[in-house]
């Protein structure tokens, strides 16, 4: 099935483009600055520890959306806000809540498996980090990323004026082959498993923060995957 061409607010004039670069970079540096200064870092960690789900929502809504914007900027040379941009950010935030809970589920489960000898490594931190990442990224991650692809395609089709927004029709517009060959079979083993292994080596209070930072890469990867699908359709 053909994928729609989505047209958002496109800013390619040189002055506006440079201003967009500055704004994006300033927001990112401000976030890094909060983490670099001990007093603000402690306040931030304290808030997100006390309000873990709200913290997960805020971090993913902001950083994953920034990743999507950056992917468009790199790929097209201009800044473009996709249709329903704020709604997409809210969806990222809701996924952030889910990921916050999932990290606890997989960390607790892997600890139990190691303690019972069902996985090798005993109480070695590297064994815990690797197996937690491996199990999470080979079971939960593909389902999560495909669910996000469905929500993304739904909004794309709605913006394009598609009348049939049933789940079956939305799924038919997704390049499932590209999803599996690129997103799952390439990014999961070669990026996400190593990246999350490092994440789970961190103290617990920093893991969701690291995952939120990685959500910039997630936004990039999913947007690039969508662009690859659109490019394939355009040249077919």
Protein backbone atom coordinates (compact mmCIF):
# COMPACT_ATOMS: atom_id res chain seq x y z
CA UNK A 1 0.00 0.00 0.00
CA UNK A 2 1.24 3.49 -0.71
CA UNK A 3 2.19 5.68 2.23
CA UNK A 4 0.91 9.26 2.20
CA UNK A 5 3.20 12.20 1.76
CA UNK A 6 2.85 14.30 4.87
CA UNK A 7 3.27 18.05 4.62
CA UNK A 8 3.76 20.00 7.85
CA UNK A 9 5.07 23.48 8.55
CA UNK A 10 8.26 23.63 6.51
CA UNK A 11 10.91 26.21 7.37
CA UNK A 12 13.73 26.17 4.84
CA UNK A 13 14.59 29.85 4.55
CA UNK A 14 18.19 30.28 5.68
CA UNK A 15 17.45 32.73 8.49
CA UNK A 16 14.60 30.69 9.93
CA UNK A 17 16.59 27.47 9.49
CA UNK A 18 19.53 28.85 11.49
CA UNK A 19 17.15 30.14 14.15
CA UNK A 20 15.64 26.65 14.36
CA UNK A 21 19.11 25.14 14.78
CA UNK A 22 19.80 27.59 17.62
CA UNK A 23 16.50 26.91 19.38
CA UNK A 24 16.88 23.12 19.14
CA UNK A 25 20.46 23.27 20.36
CA UNK A 26 19.58 25.67 23.18
CA UNK A 27 16.83 23.40 24.49
CA UNK A 28 19.14 20.38 24.39
CA UNK A 29 22.01 22.25 26.07
CA UNK A 30 19.64 23.56 28.73
CA UNK A 31 18.62 20.00 29.52
CA UNK A 32 22.27 18.89 29.63
CA UNK A 33 23.07 21.90 31.81
CA UNK A 34 20.45 20.87 34.34
CA UNK A 35 22.16 17.49 34.61
CA UNK A 36 25.68 18.94 34.71
CA UNK A 37 25.10 21.22 37.70
CA UNK A 38 25.00 19.17 40.94
CA UNK A 39 22.24 21.19 42.63
CA UNK A 40 19.85 21.13 39.65
CA UNK A 41 20.71 17.51 38.91
CA UNK A 42 19.82 16.47 42.44
CA UNK A 43 16.58 18.45 42.28
CA UNK A 44 15.71 16.90 38.91
CA UNK A 45 16.51 13.37 40.06
CA UNK A 46 14.59 13.97 43.28
CA UNK A 47 11.50 15.15 41.40
CA UNK A 48 11.55 12.30 38.86
CA UNK A 49 12.14 9.74 41.63
CA UNK A 50 9.21 11.06 43.64
CA UNK A 51 7.00 11.37 40.55
CA UNK A 52 8.42 8.64 38.34
CA UNK A 53 5.54 8.32 35.89
CA UNK A 54 5.10 12.07 35.44
CA UNK A 55 8.85 12.39 34.99
CA UNK A 56 8.79 9.66 32.33
CA UNK A 57 6.00 11.47 30.51
CA UNK A 58 7.81 14.81 30.47
CA UNK A 59 11.20 13.44 29.45
CA UNK A 60 9.92 11.33 26.57
CA UNK A 61 7.44 13.92 25.33
CA UNK A 62 10.24 16.46 25.08
CA UNK A 63 13.27 14.45 24.01
CA UNK A 64 11.69 11.95 21.62
CA UNK A 65 9.86 14.80 19.88
CA UNK A 66 13.20 16.59 19.58
CA UNK A 67 14.61 13.45 17.98
CA UNK A 68 11.85 13.45 15.37
CA UNK A 69 12.46 17.12 14.59
CA UNK A 70 16.19 16.51 14.26
CA UNK A 71 15.63 13.58 11.90
CA UNK A 72 13.58 15.79 9.58
CA UNK A 73 16.18 18.57 9.82
CA UNK A 74 19.03 16.21 8.90
CA UNK A 75 17.09 14.49 6.14
CA UNK A 76 15.47 17.47 4.44
CA UNK A 77 17.68 20.40 5.36
CA UNK A 78 14.75 22.26 6.92
CA UNK A 79 12.76 22.28 10.12
CA UNK A 80 9.28 20.82 9.82
CA UNK A 81 6.62 20.34 12.45
CA UNK A 82 4.65 17.24 11.52
CA UNK A 83 0.88 17.33 11.50
CA UNK A 84 -0.64 16.90 14.98
CA UNK A 85 2.79 17.63 16.47
CA UNK A 86 1.51 18.25 19.99
CA UNK A 87 -0.62 15.13 19.94
CA UNK A 88 2.41 13.12 18.81
CA UNK A 89 4.34 14.58 21.75
CA UNK A 90 1.58 13.48 24.12
CA UNK A 91 1.73 9.98 22.65
CA UNK A 92 5.49 9.94 23.24
CA UNK A 93 4.81 11.00 26.82
CA UNK A 94 2.34 8.15 27.33
CA UNK A 95 4.90 5.73 25.95
CA UNK A 96 7.36 7.28 28.42
CA UNK A 97 5.06 6.27 31.27
CA UNK A 98 4.88 2.74 29.88
CA UNK A 99 8.66 2.51 29.48
CA UNK A 100 9.16 3.72 33.05
CA UNK A 101 7.06 0.82 34.28
CA UNK A 102 8.61 -1.67 31.87
CA UNK A 103 12.13 -0.90 33.10
CA UNK A 104 11.09 -1.97 36.59
CA UNK A 105 9.33 -5.10 35.31
CA UNK A 106 12.31 -6.34 33.32
CA UNK A 107 14.92 -5.37 35.92
CA UNK A 108 13.01 -7.20 38.64
CA UNK A 109 12.35 -10.22 36.43
CA UNK A 110 15.96 -10.53 35.30
CA UNK A 111 17.19 -10.29 38.90
CA UNK A 112 14.87 -13.17 39.82
CA UNK A 113 16.04 -15.28 36.86
CA UNK A 114 19.69 -14.73 37.75
CA UNK A 115 19.13 -15.51 41.42
CA UNK A 116 17.43 -18.80 40.52
CA UNK A 117 20.22 -19.76 38.16
CA UNK A 118 17.94 -19.69 35.12
CA UNK A 119 20.38 -17.28 33.47
CA UNK A 120 24.18 -17.39 33.79
CA UNK A 121 26.15 -14.70 35.56
CA UNK A 122 24.92 -14.78 39.14
CA UNK A 123 25.05 -11.35 40.75
CA UNK A 124 27.52 -9.86 38.26
CA UNK A 125 26.34 -6.34 37.28
CA UNK A 126 27.23 -6.88 33.63
CA UNK A 127 25.15 -10.07 33.46
CA UNK A 128 22.17 -8.24 34.97
CA UNK A 129 22.54 -5.30 32.57
CA UNK A 130 23.03 -7.41 29.46
CA UNK A 131 20.21 -9.88 30.06
CA UNK A 132 17.77 -7.17 31.11
CA UNK A 133 18.53 -5.27 27.92
CA UNK A 134 18.43 -8.40 25.76
CA UNK A 135 15.09 -9.63 27.12
CA UNK A 136 13.47 -6.19 26.99
CA UNK A 137 14.65 -5.39 23.47
CA UNK A 138 13.76 -8.76 21.95
CA UNK A 139 10.26 -8.98 23.47
CA UNK A 140 8.82 -5.61 24.48
CA UNK A 141 10.70 -3.27 22.12
CA UNK A 142 9.39 -4.57 18.76
CA UNK A 143 5.81 -4.49 20.05
CA UNK A 144 6.25 -0.99 21.44
CA UNK A 145 7.88 0.39 18.29
CA UNK A 146 5.25 -1.17 16.03
CA UNK A 147 2.49 0.25 18.23
CA UNK A 148 4.08 3.66 17.86
CA UNK A 149 4.29 3.15 14.11
CA UNK A 150 0.55 2.44 14.06
CA UNK A 151 -0.26 5.62 16.01
CA UNK A 152 2.06 7.62 13.77
CA UNK A 153 0.51 6.23 10.58
CA UNK A 154 -2.99 6.87 11.91
CA UNK A 155 -2.18 10.57 12.33
CA UNK A 156 -0.47 10.69 8.93
CA UNK A 157 -3.54 9.23 7.24
CA UNK A 158 -5.91 11.50 9.16
CA UNK A 159 -3.92 14.53 8.04
CA UNK A 160 -3.95 13.27 4.45
CA UNK A 161 -7.74 13.08 4.51
CA UNK A 162 -8.03 9.30 4.50
CA UNK A 163 -11.62 8.25 5.20
CA UNK A 164 -10.93 4.71 6.32
CA UNK A 165 -9.03 4.98 9.60
CA UNK A 166 -9.76 1.43 10.74
CA UNK A 167 -6.89 -0.50 12.32
CA UNK A 168 -6.74 -2.86 9.35
CA UNK A 169 -6.33 -0.04 6.84
CA UNK A 170 -3.76 1.77 8.99
CA UNK A 171 -1.67 -1.41 9.30
CA UNK A 172 -1.91 -1.99 5.53
CA UNK A 173 -0.19 1.36 4.96
CA UNK A 174 2.83 0.38 7.09
CA UNK A 175 5.86 -1.10 5.35
CA UNK A 176 6.12 -4.06 7.72
CA UNK A 177 9.03 -5.54 5.78
CA UNK A 178 11.11 -2.39 6.29
CA UNK A 179 10.09 -2.27 9.93
CA UNK A 180 11.40 -5.76 10.56
CA UNK A 181 14.51 -5.63 8.39
CA UNK A 182 15.67 -2.19 9.56
CA UNK A 183 14.12 -1.27 12.91
CA UNK A 184 14.03 -4.73 14.48
CA UNK A 185 16.78 -6.76 12.83
CA UNK A 186 19.35 -3.95 12.63
CA UNK A 187 18.73 -1.35 15.31
CA UNK A 188 17.75 -3.78 18.08
CA UNK A 189 20.89 -5.98 18.10
CA UNK A 190 23.40 -3.38 16.98
CA UNK A 191 22.18 -0.31 18.88
CA UNK A 192 19.47 -0.88 21.45
CA UNK A 193 20.85 -3.98 23.19
CA UNK A 194 24.33 -2.41 23.71
CA UNK A 195 22.85 1.02 24.57
CA UNK A 196 20.46 -0.35 27.17
CA UNK A 197 23.15 -2.64 28.58
CA UNK A 198 25.06 0.51 29.45
CA UNK A 199 21.85 2.05 30.76
CA UNK A 200 21.21 -0.83 33.18
CA UNK A 201 24.78 -0.58 34.48
CA UNK A 202 23.82 2.83 35.88
CA UNK A 203 22.26 3.28 39.34
CA UNK A 204 18.49 2.84 39.27
CA UNK A 205 17.66 6.54 39.64
CA UNK A 206 19.57 7.37 36.46
CA UNK A 207 18.21 4.66 34.16
CA UNK A 208 15.01 6.35 33.02
CA UNK A 209 16.95 9.56 32.55
CA UNK A 210 19.42 7.75 30.29
CA UNK A 211 16.53 6.09 28.44
CA UNK A 212 14.94 9.50 27.92
CA UNK A 213 18.19 10.79 26.44
CA UNK A 214 18.24 7.75 24.17
CA UNK A 215 14.69 8.62 23.12
CA UNK A 216 16.24 11.28 20.90
CA UNK A 217 17.87 8.41 19.02
CA UNK A 218 14.58 6.51 19.08
CA UNK A 219 12.77 9.45 17.51
CA UNK A 220 15.51 9.62 14.87
CA UNK A 221 15.36 5.90 14.11
CA UNK A 222 11.57 5.70 13.78
CA UNK A 223 11.43 8.86 11.66
CA UNK A 224 14.24 7.62 9.40
CA UNK A 225 12.43 4.31 9.04
CA UNK A 226 9.28 6.16 7.96
CA UNK A 227 11.26 8.26 5.51
CA UNK A 228 12.83 5.12 4.05
CA UNK A 229 9.32 3.75 3.50
CA UNK A 230 8.17 6.96 1.82
CA UNK A 231 11.27 7.02 -0.40
CA UNK A 232 10.67 3.44 -1.44
CA UNK A 233 7.07 4.21 -2.36
CA UNK A 234 8.07 7.34 -4.27
CA UNK A 235 10.56 5.44 -6.44
CA UNK A 236 8.38 2.38 -6.95
